[in-house]
């Protein structure tokens, strides 16, 4: 049995090993948090490839975010970003070890049901991720919004024309 089906599989494996050895704990937790969110999305959208489908979708899915969400799925990411923004302001999420972007929580995915057991910050962050994953499951996926140019992420405003 081959351990790696291709050179790209080996490259991904080596990259993860190098990152595990060289990154500070907060960066490792950030990666773990992202992978944990990916797994939760897989729980609610089993046929998806979260890192490919959602990591650079619309204006808000992925790093950063600006403008106005382009569709319902992008709105899910906008809401998720806002939820993490709220988490940062909570007393229970104020320490270096309880930051929403690096927080690792416990949950179980069983037949599309997520159950969690955590402290207050963990619960809040987990709820942010759970709500987003469930939102992804309900939102239509528009492939033309994947890898959307940031130049299309503008704020919608209404202007009076005289």
C-alpha atoms as a PDB file:
ATOM      1  CA  UNK A   1       0.000   0.000   0.000  1.00  0.00           C
ATOM      2  CA  UNK A   2       1.367   3.408  -0.935  1.00  0.00           C
ATOM      3  CA  UNK A   3       1.532   5.949   1.846  1.00  0.00           C
ATOM      4  CA  UNK A   4       1.353   8.829  -0.628  1.00  0.00           C
ATOM      5  CA  UNK A   5      -0.449   8.538  -3.942  1.00  0.00           C
ATOM      6  CA  UNK A   6       1.512  11.369  -5.497  1.00  0.00           C
ATOM      7  CA  UNK A   7       4.331  13.819  -5.013  1.00  0.00           C
ATOM      8  CA  UNK A   8       1.759  16.461  -4.084  1.00  0.00           C
ATOM      9  CA  UNK A   9       0.529  14.214  -1.245  1.00  0.00           C
ATOM     10  CA  UNK A  10       4.086  13.950   0.049  1.00  0.00           C
ATOM     11  CA  UNK A  11       4.531  17.721  -0.287  1.00  0.00           C
ATOM     12  CA  UNK A  12       1.398  18.393   1.772  1.00  0.00           C
ATOM     13  CA  UNK A  13       2.536  15.912   4.421  1.00  0.00           C
ATOM     14  CA  UNK A  14       6.024  17.425   4.649  1.00  0.00           C
ATOM     15  CA  UNK A  15       4.571  20.932   4.810  1.00  0.00           C
ATOM     16  CA  UNK A  16       2.354  19.941   7.747  1.00  0.00           C
ATOM     17  CA  UNK A  17       5.310  18.300   9.519  1.00  0.00           C
ATOM     18  CA  UNK A  18       7.486  21.391   9.028  1.00  0.00           C
ATOM     19  CA  UNK A  19       4.699  23.697  10.225  1.00  0.00           C
ATOM     20  CA  UNK A  20       4.135  21.521  13.288  1.00  0.00           C
ATOM     21  CA  UNK A  21       7.811  21.672  14.236  1.00  0.00           C
ATOM     22  CA  UNK A  22       8.538  25.320  13.447  1.00  0.00           C
ATOM     23  CA  UNK A  23       5.425  27.371  14.186  1.00  0.00           C
ATOM     24  CA  UNK A  24       4.732  28.874  17.607  1.00  0.00           C
ATOM     25  CA  UNK A  25       1.872  27.263  19.546  1.00  0.00           C
ATOM     26  CA  UNK A  26      -0.569  30.097  18.747  1.00  0.00           C
ATOM     27  CA  UNK A  27      -0.009  29.574  15.015  1.00  0.00           C
ATOM     28  CA  UNK A  28      -0.422  25.815  15.404  1.00  0.00           C
ATOM     29  CA  UNK A  29      -3.668  26.359  17.285  1.00  0.00           C
ATOM     30  CA  UNK A  30      -4.823  28.680  14.521  1.00  0.00           C
ATOM     31  CA  UNK A  31      -4.222  25.897  11.995  1.00  0.00           C
ATOM     32  CA  UNK A  32      -5.938  23.386  14.297  1.00  0.00           C
ATOM     33  CA  UNK A  33      -8.887  25.776  14.651  1.00  0.00           C
ATOM     34  CA  UNK A  34      -9.160  26.082  10.870  1.00  0.00           C
ATOM     35  CA  UNK A  35      -8.984  22.305  10.419  1.00  0.00           C
ATOM     36  CA  UNK A  36     -11.543  21.864  13.179  1.00  0.00           C
ATOM     37  CA  UNK A  37     -13.916  24.300  11.420  1.00  0.00           C
ATOM     38  CA  UNK A  38     -13.277  22.405   8.164  1.00  0.00           C
ATOM     39  CA  UNK A  39     -14.289  19.155   9.851  1.00  0.00           C
ATOM     40  CA  UNK A  40     -17.443  20.733  11.235  1.00  0.00           C
ATOM     41  CA  UNK A  41     -18.352  21.947   7.730  1.00  0.00           C
ATOM     42  CA  UNK A  42     -17.771  18.394   6.419  1.00  0.00           C
ATOM     43  CA  UNK A  43     -20.206  17.204   9.078  1.00  0.00           C
ATOM     44  CA  UNK A  44     -22.994  19.435   7.726  1.00  0.00           C
ATOM     45  CA  UNK A  45     -21.971  19.453   4.035  1.00  0.00           C
ATOM     46  CA  UNK A  46     -20.527  15.938   3.567  1.00  0.00           C
ATOM     47  CA  UNK A  47     -19.941  16.220  -0.193  1.00  0.00           C
ATOM     48  CA  UNK A  48     -17.928  19.439   0.098  1.00  0.00           C
ATOM     49  CA  UNK A  49     -14.200  20.131   0.093  1.00  0.00           C
ATOM     50  CA  UNK A  50     -14.236  23.017   2.589  1.00  0.00           C
ATOM     51  CA  UNK A  51     -10.678  24.236   2.057  1.00  0.00           C
ATOM     52  CA  UNK A  52     -11.224  24.332  -1.706  1.00  0.00           C
ATOM     53  CA  UNK A  53     -14.877  25.369  -1.780  1.00  0.00           C
ATOM     54  CA  UNK A  54     -15.058  27.965   0.987  1.00  0.00           C
ATOM     55  CA  UNK A  55     -11.544  29.248   1.807  1.00  0.00           C
ATOM     56  CA  UNK A  56     -11.606  31.909  -0.934  1.00  0.00           C
ATOM     57  CA  UNK A  57     -15.294  32.347  -1.709  1.00  0.00           C
ATOM     58  CA  UNK A  58     -17.014  35.685  -2.207  1.00  0.00           C
ATOM     59  CA  UNK A  59     -15.848  38.690  -0.230  1.00  0.00           C
ATOM     60  CA  UNK A  60     -15.848  37.219   3.297  1.00  0.00           C
ATOM     61  CA  UNK A  61     -15.014  33.502   3.165  1.00  0.00           C
ATOM     62  CA  UNK A  62     -11.316  33.198   3.937  1.00  0.00           C
ATOM     63  CA  UNK A  63      -8.858  35.715   5.314  1.00  0.00           C
ATOM     64  CA  UNK A  64     -10.122  39.225   5.857  1.00  0.00           C
ATOM     65  CA  UNK A  65     -13.213  40.527   4.197  1.00  0.00           C
ATOM     66  CA  UNK A  66     -14.510  43.783   2.831  1.00  0.00           C
ATOM     67  CA  UNK A  67     -17.453  45.172   0.953  1.00  0.00           C
ATOM     68  CA  UNK A  68     -20.902  43.629   0.806  1.00  0.00           C
ATOM     69  CA  UNK A  69     -21.546  39.865   0.774  1.00  0.00           C
ATOM     70  CA  UNK A  70     -22.217  38.724  -2.803  1.00  0.00           C
ATOM     71  CA  UNK A  71     -24.725  35.981  -1.967  1.00  0.00           C
ATOM     72  CA  UNK A  72     -26.258  33.899   0.817  1.00  0.00           C
ATOM     73  CA  UNK A  73     -23.139  31.749   1.276  1.00  0.00           C
ATOM     74  CA  UNK A  74     -20.896  34.808   1.515  1.00  0.00           C
ATOM     75  CA  UNK A  75     -23.377  36.200   4.066  1.00  0.00           C
ATOM     76  CA  UNK A  76     -22.754  33.056   6.149  1.00  0.00           C
ATOM     77  CA  UNK A  77     -19.046  33.960   6.228  1.00  0.00           C
ATOM     78  CA  UNK A  78     -19.807  37.621   6.999  1.00  0.00           C
ATOM     79  CA  UNK A  79     -21.936  36.503   9.957  1.00  0.00           C
ATOM     80  CA  UNK A  80     -19.210  34.069  11.075  1.00  0.00           C
ATOM     81  CA  UNK A  81     -16.626  36.887  10.991  1.00  0.00           C
ATOM     82  CA  UNK A  82     -18.970  39.079  13.057  1.00  0.00           C
ATOM     83  CA  UNK A  83     -19.493  36.243  15.536  1.00  0.00           C
ATOM     84  CA  UNK A  84     -15.731  35.897  16.028  1.00  0.00           C
ATOM     85  CA  UNK A  85     -15.584  39.697  16.397  1.00  0.00           C
ATOM     86  CA  UNK A  86     -18.100  39.446  19.228  1.00  0.00           C
ATOM     87  CA  UNK A  87     -16.171  36.567  20.811  1.00  0.00           C
ATOM     88  CA  UNK A  88     -13.042  38.714  21.017  1.00  0.00           C
ATOM     89  CA  UNK A  89     -14.935  41.198  23.208  1.00  0.00           C
ATOM     90  CA  UNK A  90     -16.086  38.574  25.724  1.00  0.00           C
ATOM     91  CA  UNK A  91     -14.341  38.436  29.085  1.00  0.00           C
ATOM     92  CA  UNK A  92     -13.994  34.645  28.772  1.00  0.00           C
ATOM     93  CA  UNK A  93     -12.207  35.018  25.412  1.00  0.00           C
ATOM     94  CA  UNK A  94      -9.810  37.765  26.458  1.00  0.00           C
ATOM     95  CA  UNK A  95      -6.727  35.708  27.296  1.00  0.00           C
ATOM     96  CA  UNK A  96      -4.051  34.682  24.821  1.00  0.00           C
ATOM     97  CA  UNK A  97      -5.172  31.061  25.167  1.00  0.00           C
ATOM     98  CA  UNK A  98      -8.876  31.777  24.646  1.00  0.00           C
ATOM     99  CA  UNK A  99      -8.771  33.728  21.392  1.00  0.00           C
ATOM    100  CA  UNK A 100     -11.472  32.674  18.894  1.00  0.00           C
ATOM    101  CA  UNK A 101      -8.925  32.274  16.098  1.00  0.00           C
ATOM    102  CA  UNK A 102      -6.743  29.894  18.101  1.00  0.00           C
ATOM    103  CA  UNK A 103      -9.349  28.283  20.349  1.00  0.00           C
ATOM    104  CA  UNK A 104      -9.622  24.518  20.205  1.00  0.00           C
ATOM    105  CA  UNK A 105     -12.906  23.077  21.439  1.00  0.00           C
ATOM    106  CA  UNK A 106     -14.345  19.591  21.797  1.00  0.00           C
ATOM    107  CA  UNK A 107     -17.292  18.526  19.690  1.00  0.00           C
ATOM    108  CA  UNK A 108     -18.701  15.380  18.205  1.00  0.00           C
ATOM    109  CA  UNK A 109     -20.227  15.057  14.753  1.00  0.00           C
ATOM    110  CA  UNK A 110     -22.777  12.267  14.706  1.00  0.00           C
ATOM    111  CA  UNK A 111     -25.185  12.028  11.778  1.00  0.00           C
ATOM    112  CA  UNK A 112     -25.050  15.792  11.152  1.00  0.00           C
ATOM    113  CA  UNK A 113     -25.573  16.586  14.846  1.00  0.00           C
ATOM    114  CA  UNK A 114     -22.879  18.511  16.646  1.00  0.00           C
ATOM    115  CA  UNK A 115     -22.535  18.178  20.423  1.00  0.00           C
ATOM    116  CA  UNK A 116     -20.010  20.112  22.462  1.00  0.00           C
ATOM    117  CA  UNK A 117     -18.532  20.185  25.962  1.00  0.00           C
ATOM    118  CA  UNK A 118     -16.318  23.184  26.644  1.00  0.00           C
ATOM    119  CA  UNK A 119     -15.713  26.294  28.725  1.00  0.00           C
ATOM    120  CA  UNK A 120     -17.613  29.531  28.019  1.00  0.00           C
ATOM    121  CA  UNK A 121     -15.280  30.881  25.315  1.00  0.00           C
ATOM    122  CA  UNK A 122     -14.965  27.462  23.676  1.00  0.00           C
ATOM    123  CA  UNK A 123     -18.758  27.161  23.624  1.00  0.00           C
ATOM    124  CA  UNK A 124     -19.187  30.588  22.049  1.00  0.00           C
ATOM    125  CA  UNK A 125     -16.588  29.941  19.326  1.00  0.00           C
ATOM    126  CA  UNK A 126     -17.967  26.468  18.693  1.00  0.00           C
ATOM    127  CA  UNK A 127     -21.450  27.965  18.324  1.00  0.00           C
ATOM    128  CA  UNK A 128     -20.058  30.482  15.786  1.00  0.00           C
ATOM    129  CA  UNK A 129     -18.574  27.620  13.765  1.00  0.00           C
ATOM    130  CA  UNK A 130     -21.677  25.431  14.133  1.00  0.00           C
ATOM    131  CA  UNK A 131     -23.991  28.225  12.976  1.00  0.00           C
ATOM    132  CA  UNK A 132     -21.741  28.955   9.988  1.00  0.00           C
ATOM    133  CA  UNK A 133     -21.494  25.270   9.023  1.00  0.00           C
ATOM    134  CA  UNK A 134     -25.277  24.917   9.183  1.00  0.00           C
ATOM    135  CA  UNK A 135     -25.642  28.105   7.141  1.00  0.00           C
ATOM    136  CA  UNK A 136     -23.256  26.686   4.506  1.00  0.00           C
ATOM    137  CA  UNK A 137     -25.469  23.592   4.297  1.00  0.00           C
ATOM    138  CA  UNK A 138     -28.521  25.749   3.489  1.00  0.00           C
ATOM    139  CA  UNK A 139     -26.904  28.264   1.127  1.00  0.00           C
ATOM    140  CA  UNK A 140     -26.620  27.701  -2.626  1.00  0.00           C
ATOM    141  CA  UNK A 141     -23.042  27.396  -3.907  1.00  0.00           C
ATOM    142  CA  UNK A 142     -22.204  29.602  -6.882  1.00  0.00           C
ATOM    143  CA  UNK A 143     -18.878  28.456  -8.367  1.00  0.00           C
ATOM    144  CA  UNK A 144     -18.418  31.834 -10.075  1.00  0.00           C
ATOM    145  CA  UNK A 145     -18.012  33.409  -6.607  1.00  0.00           C
ATOM    146  CA  UNK A 146     -15.120  31.094  -5.694  1.00  0.00           C
ATOM    147  CA  UNK A 147     -11.794  32.951  -6.031  1.00  0.00           C
ATOM    148  CA  UNK A 148     -13.725  36.178  -6.624  1.00  0.00           C
ATOM    149  CA  UNK A 149     -11.571  39.187  -7.463  1.00  0.00           C
ATOM    150  CA  UNK A 150     -11.327  41.551  -4.490  1.00  0.00           C
ATOM    151  CA  UNK A 151     -12.047  44.412  -6.895  1.00  0.00           C
ATOM    152  CA  UNK A 152     -15.642  43.140  -6.939  1.00  0.00           C
ATOM    153  CA  UNK A 153     -15.919  43.415  -3.160  1.00  0.00           C
ATOM    154  CA  UNK A 154     -17.297  46.912  -2.832  1.00  0.00           C
ATOM    155  CA  UNK A 155     -19.714  48.471  -0.390  1.00  0.00           C
ATOM    156  CA  UNK A 156     -23.198  48.947  -1.748  1.00  0.00           C
ATOM    157  CA  UNK A 157     -24.433  52.443  -1.040  1.00  0.00           C
ATOM    158  CA  UNK A 158     -27.447  54.375  -2.073  1.00  0.00           C
ATOM    159  CA  UNK A 159     -26.893  57.795  -3.515  1.00  0.00           C
ATOM    160  CA  UNK A 160     -29.494  60.398  -4.236  1.00  0.00           C
ATOM    161  CA  UNK A 161     -29.376  61.583  -7.789  1.00  0.00           C
ATOM    162  CA  UNK A 162     -30.765  65.090  -8.305  1.00  0.00           C
END
